[in-house]
Full PDB file with SEQRES, HELIX, SHEET, SSBOND, CRYST1, ORIGX, SCALE, CONECT and MASTER records, all heavy atoms in Angstrom:
SEQRES   1 A   44  PRO ASN GLY PRO LEU TYR ARG GLN VAL VAL SER VAL TYR          
SEQRES   2 A   44  PRO PHE ILE HIS GLY PRO ILE THR ALA GLU LYS LEU ALA          
SEQRES   3 A   44  VAL LEU LEU SER LEU PRO PRO GLY THR LEU THR GLN ARG          
SEQRES   4 A   44  THR LEU ILE PHE ALA                                          
HELIX    1 AA1 PHE A   15  HIS A   17  5                                   3    
HELIX    2 AA2 ALA A   22  LEU A   28  1                                   7    
HELIX    3 AA3 LEU A   36  PHE A   43  1                                   8    
CRYST1    1.000    1.000    1.000  90.00  90.00  90.00 P 1           1          
ORIGX1      1.000000  0.000000  0.000000        0.00000                         
ORIGX2      0.000000  1.000000  0.000000        0.00000                         
ORIGX3      0.000000  0.000000  1.000000        0.00000                         
SCALE1      1.000000  0.000000  0.000000        0.00000                         
SCALE2      0.000000  1.000000  0.000000        0.00000                         
SCALE3      0.000000  0.000000  1.000000        0.00000                         
ATOM      1  N   PRO A   1      32.717 -85.505 -28.988  1.00  0.00           N  
ATOM      2  CA  PRO A   1      32.159 -84.829 -27.809  1.00  0.00           C  
ATOM      3  C   PRO A   1      32.980 -83.629 -27.342  1.00  0.00           C  
ATOM      4  O   PRO A   1      32.426 -82.701 -26.760  1.00  0.00           O  
ATOM      5  CB  PRO A   1      32.133 -85.938 -26.761  1.00  0.00           C  
ATOM      6  CG  PRO A   1      31.990 -87.197 -27.554  1.00  0.00           C  
ATOM      7  CD  PRO A   1      32.818 -86.962 -28.794  1.00  0.00           C  
ATOM      8  N   ASN A   2      34.267 -83.613 -27.605  1.00  0.00           N  
ATOM      9  CA  ASN A   2      35.110 -82.498 -27.185  1.00  0.00           C  
ATOM     10  C   ASN A   2      35.428 -81.541 -28.328  1.00  0.00           C  
ATOM     11  O   ASN A   2      36.219 -80.608 -28.157  1.00  0.00           O  
ATOM     12  CB  ASN A   2      36.423 -83.025 -26.585  1.00  0.00           C  
ATOM     13  CG  ASN A   2      36.196 -83.826 -25.321  1.00  0.00           C  
ATOM     14  OD1 ASN A   2      35.355 -83.472 -24.491  1.00  0.00           O  
ATOM     15  ND2 ASN A   2      36.917 -84.926 -25.168  1.00  0.00           N  
ATOM     16  N   GLY A   3      34.811 -81.774 -29.472  1.00  0.00           N  
ATOM     17  CA  GLY A   3      35.094 -80.941 -30.636  1.00  0.00           C  
ATOM     18  C   GLY A   3      34.212 -79.708 -30.701  1.00  0.00           C  
ATOM     19  O   GLY A   3      33.161 -79.631 -30.051  1.00  0.00           O  
ATOM     20  N   PRO A   4      34.583 -78.711 -31.504  1.00  0.00           N  
ATOM     21  CA  PRO A   4      33.836 -77.448 -31.592  1.00  0.00           C  
ATOM     22  C   PRO A   4      32.472 -77.587 -32.266  1.00  0.00           C  
ATOM     23  O   PRO A   4      31.619 -76.707 -32.112  1.00  0.00           O  
ATOM     24  CB  PRO A   4      34.759 -76.550 -32.419  1.00  0.00           C  
ATOM     25  CG  PRO A   4      35.578 -77.508 -33.235  1.00  0.00           C  
ATOM     26  CD  PRO A   4      35.792 -78.705 -32.350  1.00  0.00           C  
ATOM     27  N   LEU A   5      32.252 -78.675 -33.002  1.00  0.00           N  
ATOM     28  CA  LEU A   5      30.985 -78.844 -33.716  1.00  0.00           C  
ATOM     29  C   LEU A   5      30.016 -79.761 -32.983  1.00  0.00           C  
ATOM     30  O   LEU A   5      28.902 -79.991 -33.464  1.00  0.00           O  
ATOM     31  CB  LEU A   5      31.241 -79.417 -35.112  1.00  0.00           C  
ATOM     32  CG  LEU A   5      32.113 -78.566 -36.045  1.00  0.00           C  
ATOM     33  CD1 LEU A   5      32.397 -79.312 -37.334  1.00  0.00           C  
ATOM     34  CD2 LEU A   5      31.446 -77.227 -36.326  1.00  0.00           C  
ATOM     35  N   TYR A   6      30.391 -80.251 -31.814  1.00  0.00           N  
ATOM     36  CA  TYR A   6      29.583 -81.237 -31.095  1.00  0.00           C  
ATOM     37  C   TYR A   6      28.188 -80.702 -30.787  1.00  0.00           C  
ATOM     38  O   TYR A   6      28.030 -79.601 -30.269  1.00  0.00           O  
ATOM     39  CB  TYR A   6      30.290 -81.624 -29.799  1.00  0.00           C  
ATOM     40  CG  TYR A   6      29.519 -82.590 -28.933  1.00  0.00           C  
ATOM     41  CD1 TYR A   6      29.209 -83.859 -29.390  1.00  0.00           C  
ATOM     42  CD2 TYR A   6      29.103 -82.222 -27.654  1.00  0.00           C  
ATOM     43  CE1 TYR A   6      28.507 -84.753 -28.595  1.00  0.00           C  
ATOM     44  CE2 TYR A   6      28.407 -83.112 -26.855  1.00  0.00           C  
ATOM     45  CZ  TYR A   6      28.117 -84.374 -27.328  1.00  0.00           C  
ATOM     46  OH  TYR A   6      27.412 -85.248 -26.542  1.00  0.00           O  
ATOM     47  N   ARG A   7      27.183 -81.477 -31.185  1.00  0.00           N  
ATOM     48  CA  ARG A   7      25.764 -81.172 -30.997  1.00  0.00           C  
ATOM     49  C   ARG A   7      25.316 -79.926 -31.774  1.00  0.00           C  
ATOM     50  O   ARG A   7      24.259 -79.367 -31.501  1.00  0.00           O  
ATOM     51  CB  ARG A   7      25.399 -81.027 -29.511  1.00  0.00           C  
ATOM     52  CG  ARG A   7      25.648 -82.281 -28.697  1.00  0.00           C  
ATOM     53  CD  ARG A   7      25.115 -82.151 -27.280  1.00  0.00           C  
ATOM     54  NE  ARG A   7      23.666 -82.302 -27.261  1.00  0.00           N  
ATOM     55  CZ  ARG A   7      23.042 -83.462 -27.073  1.00  0.00           C  
ATOM     56  NH1 ARG A   7      23.734 -84.575 -26.897  1.00  0.00           N  
ATOM     57  NH2 ARG A   7      21.721 -83.531 -27.056  1.00  0.00           N  
ATOM     58  N   GLN A   8      26.109 -79.528 -32.754  1.00  0.00           N  
ATOM     59  CA  GLN A   8      25.742 -78.391 -33.591  1.00  0.00           C  
ATOM     60  C   GLN A   8      25.005 -78.860 -34.842  1.00  0.00           C  
ATOM     61  O   GLN A   8      25.354 -79.892 -35.432  1.00  0.00           O  
ATOM     62  CB  GLN A   8      26.990 -77.610 -34.009  1.00  0.00           C  
ATOM     63  CG  GLN A   8      27.784 -77.017 -32.868  1.00  0.00           C  
ATOM     64  CD  GLN A   8      27.006 -75.968 -32.102  1.00  0.00           C  
ATOM     65  OE1 GLN A   8      26.477 -75.024 -32.692  1.00  0.00           O  
ATOM     66  NE2 GLN A   8      26.915 -76.138 -30.795  1.00  0.00           N  
ATOM     67  N   VAL A   9      23.992 -78.104 -35.248  1.00  0.00           N  
ATOM     68  CA  VAL A   9      23.349 -78.345 -36.544  1.00  0.00           C  
ATOM     69  C   VAL A   9      24.325 -77.882 -37.623  1.00  0.00           C  
ATOM     70  O   VAL A   9      24.703 -76.709 -37.662  1.00  0.00           O  
ATOM     71  CB  VAL A   9      22.014 -77.595 -36.661  1.00  0.00           C  
ATOM     72  CG1 VAL A   9      21.411 -77.767 -38.052  1.00  0.00           C  
ATOM     73  CG2 VAL A   9      21.031 -78.077 -35.601  1.00  0.00           C  
ATOM     74  N   VAL A  10      24.754 -78.794 -38.483  1.00  0.00           N  
ATOM     75  CA  VAL A  10      25.788 -78.464 -39.470  1.00  0.00           C  
ATOM     76  C   VAL A  10      25.268 -78.495 -40.907  1.00  0.00           C  
ATOM     77  O   VAL A  10      26.002 -78.116 -41.831  1.00  0.00           O  
ATOM     78  CB  VAL A  10      27.016 -79.394 -39.328  1.00  0.00           C  
ATOM     79  CG1 VAL A  10      27.723 -79.143 -38.002  1.00  0.00           C  
ATOM     80  CG2 VAL A  10      26.627 -80.853 -39.479  1.00  0.00           C  
ATOM     81  N   SER A  11      24.038 -78.929 -41.115  1.00  0.00           N  
ATOM     82  CA  SER A  11      23.424 -78.862 -42.449  1.00  0.00           C  
ATOM     83  C   SER A  11      21.910 -78.790 -42.292  1.00  0.00           C  
ATOM     84  O   SER A  11      21.347 -79.385 -41.369  1.00  0.00           O  
ATOM     85  CB  SER A  11      23.770 -80.094 -43.308  1.00  0.00           C  
ATOM     86  OG  SER A  11      25.053 -79.998 -43.863  1.00  0.00           O  
ATOM     87  N   VAL A  12      21.284 -78.067 -43.195  1.00  0.00           N  
ATOM     88  CA  VAL A  12      19.821 -78.026 -43.256  1.00  0.00           C  
ATOM     89  C   VAL A  12      19.398 -78.056 -44.714  1.00  0.00           C  
ATOM     90  O   VAL A  12      20.098 -77.539 -45.593  1.00  0.00           O  
ATOM     91  CB  VAL A  12      19.224 -76.765 -42.576  1.00  0.00           C  
ATOM     92  CG1 VAL A  12      19.492 -76.770 -41.075  1.00  0.00           C  
ATOM     93  CG2 VAL A  12      19.748 -75.486 -43.212  1.00  0.00           C  
ATOM     94  N   TYR A  13      18.255 -78.666 -44.958  1.00  0.00           N  
ATOM     95  CA  TYR A  13      17.621 -78.608 -46.277  1.00  0.00           C  
ATOM     96  C   TYR A  13      16.115 -78.623 -46.063  1.00  0.00           C  
ATOM     97  O   TYR A  13      15.487 -79.680 -46.075  1.00  0.00           O  
ATOM     98  CB  TYR A  13      18.041 -79.769 -47.184  1.00  0.00           C  
ATOM     99  CG  TYR A  13      17.630 -79.522 -48.628  1.00  0.00           C  
ATOM    100  CD1 TYR A  13      18.533 -79.017 -49.547  1.00  0.00           C  
ATOM    101  CD2 TYR A  13      16.315 -79.768 -49.044  1.00  0.00           C  
ATOM    102  CE1 TYR A  13      18.157 -78.769 -50.856  1.00  0.00           C  
ATOM    103  CE2 TYR A  13      15.930 -79.513 -50.344  1.00  0.00           C  
ATOM    104  CZ  TYR A  13      16.854 -79.014 -51.250  1.00  0.00           C  
ATOM    105  OH  TYR A  13      16.475 -78.750 -52.541  1.00  0.00           O  
ATOM    106  N   PRO A  14      15.522 -77.437 -45.828  1.00  0.00           N  
ATOM    107  CA  PRO A  14      14.065 -77.388 -45.676  1.00  0.00           C  
ATOM    108  C   PRO A  14      13.378 -77.676 -46.996  1.00  0.00           C  
ATOM    109  O   PRO A  14      13.843 -77.252 -48.056  1.00  0.00           O  
ATOM    110  CB  PRO A  14      13.808 -75.946 -45.208  1.00  0.00           C  
ATOM    111  CG  PRO A  14      14.997 -75.172 -45.696  1.00  0.00           C  
ATOM    112  CD  PRO A  14      16.160 -76.122 -45.685  1.00  0.00           C  
ATOM    113  N   PHE A  15      12.272 -78.400 -46.934  1.00  0.00           N  
ATOM    114  CA  PHE A  15      11.541 -78.762 -48.148  1.00  0.00           C  
ATOM    115  C   PHE A  15      10.583 -77.644 -48.572  1.00  0.00           C  
ATOM    116  O   PHE A  15       9.456 -77.895 -48.984  1.00  0.00           O  
ATOM    117  CB  PHE A  15      10.751 -80.054 -47.925  1.00  0.00           C  
ATOM    118  CG  PHE A  15      11.609 -81.291 -47.769  1.00  0.00           C  
ATOM    119  CD1 PHE A  15      11.028 -82.505 -47.426  1.00  0.00           C  
ATOM    120  CD2 PHE A  15      12.980 -81.254 -47.957  1.00  0.00           C  
ATOM    121  CE1 PHE A  15      11.800 -83.651 -47.281  1.00  0.00           C  
ATOM    122  CE2 PHE A  15      13.770 -82.382 -47.811  1.00  0.00           C  
ATOM    123  CZ  PHE A  15      13.174 -83.593 -47.475  1.00  0.00           C  
ATOM    124  N   ILE A  16      11.047 -76.412 -48.501  1.00  0.00           N  
ATOM    125  CA  ILE A  16      10.203 -75.264 -48.849  1.00  0.00           C  
ATOM    126  C   ILE A  16       9.833 -75.289 -50.333  1.00  0.00           C  
ATOM    127  O   ILE A  16       8.715 -74.950 -50.721  1.00  0.00           O  
ATOM    128  CB  ILE A  16      10.923 -73.949 -48.493  1.00  0.00           C  
ATOM    129  CG1 ILE A  16      11.128 -73.845 -46.972  1.00  0.00           C  
ATOM    130  CG2 ILE A  16      10.133 -72.741 -49.002  1.00  0.00           C  
ATOM    131  CD1 ILE A  16      11.964 -72.657 -46.554  1.00  0.00           C  
ATOM    132  N   HIS A  17      10.787 -75.688 -51.157  1.00  0.00           N  
ATOM    133  CA  HIS A  17      10.555 -75.732 -52.608  1.00  0.00           C  
ATOM    134  C   HIS A  17      10.340 -77.166 -53.092  1.00  0.00           C  
ATOM    135  O   HIS A  17      10.492 -77.453 -54.274  1.00  0.00           O  
ATOM    136  CB  HIS A  17      11.732 -75.097 -53.346  1.00  0.00           C  
ATOM    137  CG  HIS A  17      12.060 -73.706 -52.902  1.00  0.00           C  
ATOM    138  ND1 HIS A  17      11.151 -72.660 -52.973  1.00  0.00           N  
ATOM    139  CD2 HIS A  17      13.191 -73.183 -52.349  1.00  0.00           C  
ATOM    140  CE1 HIS A  17      11.710 -71.563 -52.504  1.00  0.00           C  
ATOM    141  NE2 HIS A  17      12.938 -71.854 -52.122  1.00  0.00           N  
ATOM    142  N   GLY A  18      10.003 -78.055 -52.177  1.00  0.00           N  
ATOM    143  CA  GLY A  18       9.812 -79.456 -52.512  1.00  0.00           C  
ATOM    144  C   GLY A  18      10.918 -80.306 -51.913  1.00  0.00           C  
ATOM    145  O   GLY A  18      11.955 -79.798 -51.482  1.00  0.00           O  
ATOM    146  N   PRO A  19      10.719 -81.629 -51.873  1.00  0.00           N  
ATOM    147  CA  PRO A  19      11.718 -82.528 -51.288  1.00  0.00           C  
ATOM    148  C   PRO A  19      13.053 -82.435 -52.010  1.00  0.00           C  
ATOM    149  O   PRO A  19      13.126 -82.072 -53.182  1.00  0.00           O  
ATOM    150  CB  PRO A  19      11.093 -83.917 -51.459  1.00  0.00           C  
ATOM    151  CG  PRO A  19       9.627 -83.670 -51.618  1.00  0.00           C  
ATOM    152  CD  PRO A  19       9.517 -82.356 -52.337  1.00  0.00           C  
ATOM    153  N   ILE A  20      14.105 -82.765 -51.316  1.00  0.00           N  
ATOM    154  CA  ILE A  20      15.432 -82.789 -51.900  1.00  0.00           C  
ATOM    155  C   ILE A  20      15.505 -83.874 -52.975  1.00  0.00           C  
ATOM    156  O   ILE A  20      14.836 -84.908 -52.887  1.00  0.00           O  
ATOM    157  CB  ILE A  20      16.492 -83.046 -50.793  1.00  0.00           C  
ATOM    158  CG1 ILE A  20      17.912 -82.768 -51.298  1.00  0.00           C  
ATOM    159  CG2 ILE A  20      16.380 -84.477 -50.242  1.00  0.00           C  
ATOM    160  CD1 ILE A  20      18.963 -82.751 -50.194  1.00  0.00           C  
ATOM    161  N   THR A  21      16.292 -83.634 -54.006  1.00  0.00           N  
ATOM    162  CA  THR A  21      16.474 -84.636 -55.061  1.00  0.00           C  
ATOM    163  C   THR A  21      17.534 -85.650 -54.630  1.00  0.00           C  
ATOM    164  O   THR A  21      18.314 -85.398 -53.711  1.00  0.00           O  
ATOM    165  CB  THR A  21      16.921 -83.977 -56.367  1.00  0.00           C  
ATOM    166  OG1 THR A  21      18.214 -83.381 -56.176  1.00  0.00           O  
ATOM    167  CG2 THR A  21      15.925 -82.912 -56.819  1.00  0.00           C  
ATOM    168  N   ALA A  22      17.574 -86.762 -55.340  1.00  0.00           N  
ATOM    169  CA  ALA A  22      18.590 -87.775 -55.037  1.00  0.00           C  
ATOM    170  C   ALA A  22      19.992 -87.218 -55.249  1.00  0.00           C  
ATOM    171  O   ALA A  22      20.907 -87.492 -54.465  1.00  0.00           O  
ATOM    172  CB  ALA A  22      18.366 -89.007 -55.912  1.00  0.00           C  
ATOM    173  N   GLU A  23      20.169 -86.431 -56.293  1.00  0.00           N  
ATOM    174  CA  GLU A  23      21.484 -85.869 -56.582  1.00  0.00           C  
ATOM    175  C   GLU A  23      21.937 -84.926 -55.474  1.00  0.00           C  
ATOM    176  O   GLU A  23      23.103 -84.953 -55.043  1.00  0.00           O  
ATOM    177  CB  GLU A  23      21.463 -85.129 -57.923  1.00  0.00           C  
ATOM    178  CG  GLU A  23      21.311 -86.025 -59.139  1.00  0.00           C  
ATOM    179  CD  GLU A  23      19.878 -86.525 -59.329  1.00  0.00           C  
ATOM    180  OE1 GLU A  23      18.949 -85.975 -58.698  1.00  0.00           O  
ATOM    181  OE2 GLU A  23      19.701 -87.478 -60.111  1.00  0.00           O  
ATOM    182  N   LYS A  24      21.024 -84.089 -54.991  1.00  0.00           N  
ATOM    183  CA  LYS A  24      21.399 -83.155 -53.925  1.00  0.00           C  
ATOM    184  C   LYS A  24      21.572 -83.868 -52.586  1.00  0.00           C  
ATOM    185  O   LYS A  24      22.428 -83.481 -51.776  1.00  0.00           O  
ATOM    186  CB  LYS A  24      20.355 -82.040 -53.810  1.00  0.00           C  
ATOM    187  CG  LYS A  24      20.408 -81.043 -54.955  1.00  0.00           C  
ATOM    188  CD  LYS A  24      19.463 -79.878 -54.739  1.00  0.00           C  
ATOM    189  CE  LYS A  24      19.638 -78.847 -55.860  1.00  0.00           C  
ATOM    190  NZ  LYS A  24      18.751 -77.663 -55.682  1.00  0.00           N  
ATOM    191  N   LEU A  25      20.795 -84.917 -52.352  1.00  0.00           N  
ATOM    192  CA  LEU A  25      20.981 -85.675 -51.111  1.00  0.00           C  
ATOM    193  C   LEU A  25      22.353 -86.327 -51.102  1.00  0.00           C  
ATOM    194  O   LEU A  25      23.021 -86.378 -50.062  1.00  0.00           O  
ATOM    195  CB  LEU A  25      19.891 -86.734 -50.960  1.00  0.00           C  
ATOM    196  CG  LEU A  25      19.999 -87.606 -49.697  1.00  0.00           C  
ATOM    197  CD1 LEU A  25      19.966 -86.753 -48.425  1.00  0.00           C  
ATOM    198  CD2 LEU A  25      18.882 -88.647 -49.665  1.00  0.00           C  
ATOM    199  N   ALA A  26      22.798 -86.821 -52.249  1.00  0.00           N  
ATOM    200  CA  ALA A  26      24.133 -87.415 -52.329  1.00  0.00           C  
ATOM    201  C   ALA A  26      25.195 -86.411 -51.930  1.00  0.00           C  
ATOM    202  O   ALA A  26      26.165 -86.745 -51.240  1.00  0.00           O  
ATOM    203  CB  ALA A  26      24.386 -87.932 -53.743  1.00  0.00           C  
ATOM    204  N   VAL A  27      25.036 -85.162 -52.348  1.00  0.00           N  
ATOM    205  CA  VAL A  27      25.983 -84.121 -51.970  1.00  0.00           C  
ATOM    206  C   VAL A  27      25.878 -83.815 -50.481  1.00  0.00           C  
ATOM    207  O   VAL A  27      26.888 -83.702 -49.776  1.00  0.00           O  
ATOM    208  CB  VAL A  27      25.737 -82.842 -52.794  1.00  0.00           C  
ATOM    209  CG1 VAL A  27      26.650 -81.711 -52.309  1.00  0.00           C  
ATOM    210  CG2 VAL A  27      25.983 -83.109 -54.275  1.00  0.00           C  
ATOM    211  N   LEU A  28      24.654 -83.674 -49.991  1.00  0.00           N  
ATOM    212  CA  LEU A  28      24.439 -83.337 -48.580  1.00  0.00           C  
ATOM    213  C   LEU A  28      25.096 -84.359 -47.658  1.00  0.00           C  
ATOM    214  O   LEU A  28      25.669 -84.000 -46.617  1.00  0.00           O  
ATOM    215  CB  LEU A  28      22.940 -83.251 -48.284  1.00  0.00           C  
ATOM    216  CG  LEU A  28      22.547 -82.633 -46.938  1.00  0.00           C  
ATOM    217  CD1 LEU A  28      22.777 -81.124 -46.967  1.00  0.00           C  
ATOM    218  CD2 LEU A  28      21.090 -82.936 -46.594  1.00  0.00           C  
ATOM    219  N   LEU A  29      25.027 -85.629 -48.028  1.00  0.00           N  
ATOM    220  CA  LEU A  29      25.562 -86.690 -47.189  1.00  0.00           C  
ATOM    221  C   LEU A  29      27.078 -86.810 -47.266  1.00  0.00           C  
ATOM    222  O   LEU A  29      27.681 -87.536 -46.471  1.00  0.00           O  
ATOM    223  CB  LEU A  29      24.939 -88.030 -47.585  1.00  0.00           C  
ATOM    224  CG  LEU A  29      23.422 -88.172 -47.402  1.00  0.00           C  
ATOM    225  CD1 LEU A  29      22.953 -89.547 -47.856  1.00  0.00           C  
ATOM    226  CD2 LEU A  29      23.017 -87.912 -45.947  1.00  0.00           C  
ATOM    227  N   SER A  30      27.700 -86.115 -48.209  1.00  0.00           N  
ATOM    228  CA  SER A  30      29.143 -86.267 -48.403  1.00  0.00           C  
ATOM    229  C   SER A  30      29.922 -84.976 -48.173  1.00  0.00           C  
ATOM    230  O   SER A  30      31.090 -84.876 -48.568  1.00  0.00           O  
ATOM    231  CB  SER A  30      29.430 -86.786 -49.814  1.00  0.00           C  
ATOM    232  OG  SER A  30      28.946 -85.884 -50.802  1.00  0.00           O  
ATOM    233  N   LEU A  31      29.313 -83.991 -47.523  1.00  0.00           N  
ATOM    234  CA  LEU A  31      29.996 -82.729 -47.270  1.00  0.00           C  
ATOM    235  C   LEU A  31      31.131 -82.913 -46.262  1.00  0.00           C  
ATOM    236  O   LEU A  31      31.031 -83.741 -45.353  1.00  0.00           O  
ATOM    237  CB  LEU A  31      29.012 -81.691 -46.748  1.00  0.00           C  
ATOM    238  CG  LEU A  31      27.964 -81.194 -47.743  1.00  0.00           C  
ATOM    239  CD1 LEU A  31      26.913 -80.349 -47.027  1.00  0.00           C  
ATOM    240  CD2 LEU A  31      28.615 -80.389 -48.863  1.00  0.00           C  
ATOM    241  N   PRO A  32      32.192 -82.129 -46.381  1.00  0.00           N  
ATOM    242  CA  PRO A  32      33.291 -82.228 -45.416  1.00  0.00           C  
ATOM    243  C   PRO A  32      32.882 -81.622 -44.075  1.00  0.00           C  
ATOM    244  O   PRO A  32      31.916 -80.857 -43.997  1.00  0.00           O  
ATOM    245  CB  PRO A  32      34.404 -81.410 -46.069  1.00  0.00           C  
ATOM    246  CG  PRO A  32      33.683 -80.406 -46.916  1.00  0.00           C  
ATOM    247  CD  PRO A  32      32.461 -81.131 -47.432  1.00  0.00           C  
ATOM    248  N   PRO A  33      33.589 -81.954 -42.996  1.00  0.00           N  
ATOM    249  CA  PRO A  33      33.279 -81.368 -41.691  1.00  0.00           C  
ATOM    250  C   PRO A  33      33.359 -79.847 -41.745  1.00  0.00           C  
ATOM    251  O   PRO A  33      34.222 -79.279 -42.421  1.00  0.00           O  
ATOM    252  CB  PRO A  33      34.364 -81.945 -40.773  1.00  0.00           C  
ATOM    253  CG  PRO A  33      34.810 -83.199 -41.450  1.00  0.00           C  
ATOM    254  CD  PRO A  33      34.703 -82.921 -42.925  1.00  0.00           C  
ATOM    255  N   GLY A  34      32.454 -79.202 -41.021  1.00  0.00           N  
ATOM    256  CA  GLY A  34      32.453 -77.748 -40.994  1.00  0.00           C  
ATOM    257  C   GLY A  34      31.214 -77.229 -40.301  1.00  0.00           C  
ATOM    258  O   GLY A  34      30.340 -77.996 -39.884  1.00  0.00           O  
ATOM    259  N   THR A  35      31.126 -75.922 -40.192  1.00  0.00           N  
ATOM    260  CA  THR A  35      29.964 -75.302 -39.567  1.00  0.00           C  
ATOM    261  C   THR A  35      28.784 -75.308 -40.525  1.00  0.00           C  
ATOM    262  O   THR A  35      28.920 -75.622 -41.720  1.00  0.00           O  
ATOM    263  CB  THR A  35      30.282 -73.856 -39.169  1.00  0.00           C  
ATOM    264  OG1 THR A  35      30.513 -73.087 -40.370  1.00  0.00           O  
ATOM    265  CG2 THR A  35      31.517 -73.774 -38.273  1.00  0.00           C  
ATOM    266  N   LEU A  36      27.631 -74.922 -40.024  1.00  0.00           N  
ATOM    267  CA  LEU A  36      26.427 -74.856 -40.848  1.00  0.00           C  
ATOM    268  C   LEU A  36      26.624 -73.932 -42.039  1.00  0.00           C  
ATOM    269  O   LEU A  36      26.270 -74.266 -43.179  1.00  0.00           O  
ATOM    270  CB  LEU A  36      25.249 -74.383 -39.996  1.00  0.00           C  
ATOM    271  CG  LEU A  36      23.930 -74.107 -40.723  1.00  0.00           C  
ATOM    272  CD1 LEU A  36      23.401 -75.359 -41.391  1.00  0.00           C  
ATOM    273  CD2 LEU A  36      22.889 -73.541 -39.744  1.00  0.00           C  
ATOM    274  N   THR A  37      27.202 -72.758 -41.811  1.00  0.00           N  
ATOM    275  CA  THR A  37      27.368 -71.804 -42.904  1.00  0.00           C  
ATOM    276  C   THR A  37      28.404 -72.281 -43.905  1.00  0.00           C  
ATOM    277  O   THR A  37      28.238 -72.109 -45.122  1.00  0.00           O  
ATOM    278  CB  THR A  37      27.754 -70.421 -42.344  1.00  0.00           C  
ATOM    279  OG1 THR A  37      28.861 -70.562 -41.440  1.00  0.00           O  
ATOM    280  CG2 THR A  37      26.578 -69.787 -41.610  1.00  0.00           C  
ATOM    281  N   GLN A  38      29.483 -72.885 -43.428  1.00  0.00           N  
ATOM    282  CA  GLN A  38      30.511 -73.383 -44.341  1.00  0.00           C  
ATOM    283  C   GLN A  38      29.965 -74.506 -45.220  1.00  0.00           C  
ATOM    284  O   GLN A  38      30.130 -74.494 -46.443  1.00  0.00           O  
ATOM    285  CB  GLN A  38      31.719 -73.882 -43.538  1.00  0.00           C  
ATOM    286  CG  GLN A  38      32.502 -72.770 -42.871  1.00  0.00           C  
ATOM    287  CD  GLN A  38      33.482 -73.269 -41.823  1.00  0.00           C  
ATOM    288  OE1 GLN A  38      33.438 -74.429 -41.402  1.00  0.00           O  
ATOM    289  NE2 GLN A  38      34.384 -72.394 -41.377  1.00  0.00           N  
ATOM    290  N   ARG A  39      29.320 -75.473 -44.589  1.00  0.00           N  
ATOM    291  CA  ARG A  39      28.818 -76.621 -45.347  1.00  0.00           C  
ATOM    292  C   ARG A  39      27.699 -76.215 -46.314  1.00  0.00           C  
ATOM    293  O   ARG A  39      27.587 -76.772 -47.406  1.00  0.00           O  
ATOM    294  CB  ARG A  39      28.318 -77.700 -44.381  1.00  0.00           C  
ATOM    295  CG  ARG A  39      29.443 -78.485 -43.733  1.00  0.00           C  
ATOM    296  CD  ARG A  39      28.945 -79.287 -42.542  1.00  0.00           C  
ATOM    297  NE  ARG A  39      27.854 -80.187 -42.842  1.00  0.00           N  
ATOM    298  CZ  ARG A  39      27.981 -81.498 -43.078  1.00  0.00           C  
ATOM    299  NH1 ARG A  39      29.189 -82.055 -43.072  1.00  0.00           N  
ATOM    300  NH2 ARG A  39      26.918 -82.244 -43.317  1.00  0.00           N  
ATOM    301  N   THR A  40      26.892 -75.244 -45.931  1.00  0.00           N  
ATOM    302  CA  THR A  40      25.801 -74.822 -46.819  1.00  0.00           C  
ATOM    303  C   THR A  40      26.339 -74.153 -48.068  1.00  0.00           C  
ATOM    304  O   THR A  40      25.841 -74.390 -49.187  1.00  0.00           O  
ATOM    305  CB  THR A  40      24.836 -73.885 -46.080  1.00  0.00           C  
ATOM    306  OG1 THR A  40      24.286 -74.561 -44.940  1.00  0.00           O  
ATOM    307  CG2 THR A  40      23.697 -73.446 -46.994  1.00  0.00           C  
ATOM    308  N   LEU A  41      27.365 -73.325 -47.922  1.00  0.00           N  
ATOM    309  CA  LEU A  41      27.935 -72.676 -49.103  1.00  0.00           C  
ATOM    310  C   LEU A  41      28.658 -73.694 -49.986  1.00  0.00           C  
ATOM    311  O   LEU A  41      28.572 -73.635 -51.223  1.00  0.00           O  
ATOM    312  CB  LEU A  41      28.886 -71.552 -48.677  1.00  0.00           C  
ATOM    313  CG  LEU A  41      29.386 -70.617 -49.786  1.00  0.00           C  
ATOM    314  CD1 LEU A  41      28.238 -70.075 -50.642  1.00  0.00           C  
ATOM    315  CD2 LEU A  41      30.200 -69.473 -49.191  1.00  0.00           C  
ATOM    316  N   ILE A  42      29.356 -74.643 -49.384  1.00  0.00           N  
ATOM    317  CA  ILE A  42      29.986 -75.713 -50.168  1.00  0.00           C  
ATOM    318  C   ILE A  42      28.919 -76.529 -50.889  1.00  0.00           C  
ATOM    319  O   ILE A  42      29.073 -76.895 -52.058  1.00  0.00           O  
ATOM    320  CB  ILE A  42      30.841 -76.610 -49.255  1.00  0.00           C  
ATOM    321  CG1 ILE A  42      32.046 -75.829 -48.709  1.00  0.00           C  
ATOM    322  CG2 ILE A  42      31.329 -77.851 -50.018  1.00  0.00           C  
ATOM    323  CD1 ILE A  42      32.821 -76.561 -47.629  1.00  0.00           C  
ATOM    324  N   PHE A  43      27.795 -76.798 -50.212  1.00  0.00           N  
ATOM    325  CA  PHE A  43      26.681 -77.519 -50.831  1.00  0.00           C  
ATOM    326  C   PHE A  43      26.164 -76.764 -52.054  1.00  0.00           C  
ATOM    327  O   PHE A  43      25.917 -77.354 -53.111  1.00  0.00           O  
ATOM    328  CB  PHE A  43      25.557 -77.700 -49.800  1.00  0.00           C  
ATOM    329  CG  PHE A  43      24.303 -78.318 -50.348  1.00  0.00           C  
ATOM    330  CD1 PHE A  43      24.186 -79.695 -50.470  1.00  0.00           C  
ATOM    331  CD2 PHE A  43      23.233 -77.527 -50.728  1.00  0.00           C  
ATOM    332  CE1 PHE A  43      23.027 -80.265 -50.975  1.00  0.00           C  
ATOM    333  CE2 PHE A  43      22.066 -78.080 -51.230  1.00  0.00           C  
ATOM    334  CZ  PHE A  43      21.958 -79.466 -51.350  1.00  0.00           C  
ATOM    335  N   ALA A  44      26.011 -75.446 -51.928  1.00  0.00           N  
ATOM    336  CA  ALA A  44      25.507 -74.644 -53.047  1.00  0.00           C  
ATOM    337  C   ALA A  44      26.473 -74.670 -54.219  1.00  0.00           C  
ATOM    338  O   ALA A  44      26.055 -74.707 -55.384  1.00  0.00           O  
ATOM    339  CB  ALA A  44      25.259 -73.209 -52.587  1.00  0.00           C  
TER     340      ALA A  44                                                      
MASTER        0    0    0    3    0    0    0    6  339    1    0    4          
END                                                                             
């Protein structure tokens, strides 16, 4: 609650190109703490 990321959206995966795969969901769920932009680039 007192941290800089509190209530921030820190990851997104829109199903624009279809649902996320199991392999990519595994990565999405295990990303390190960070901002939306940091975690998205690490995800990529």
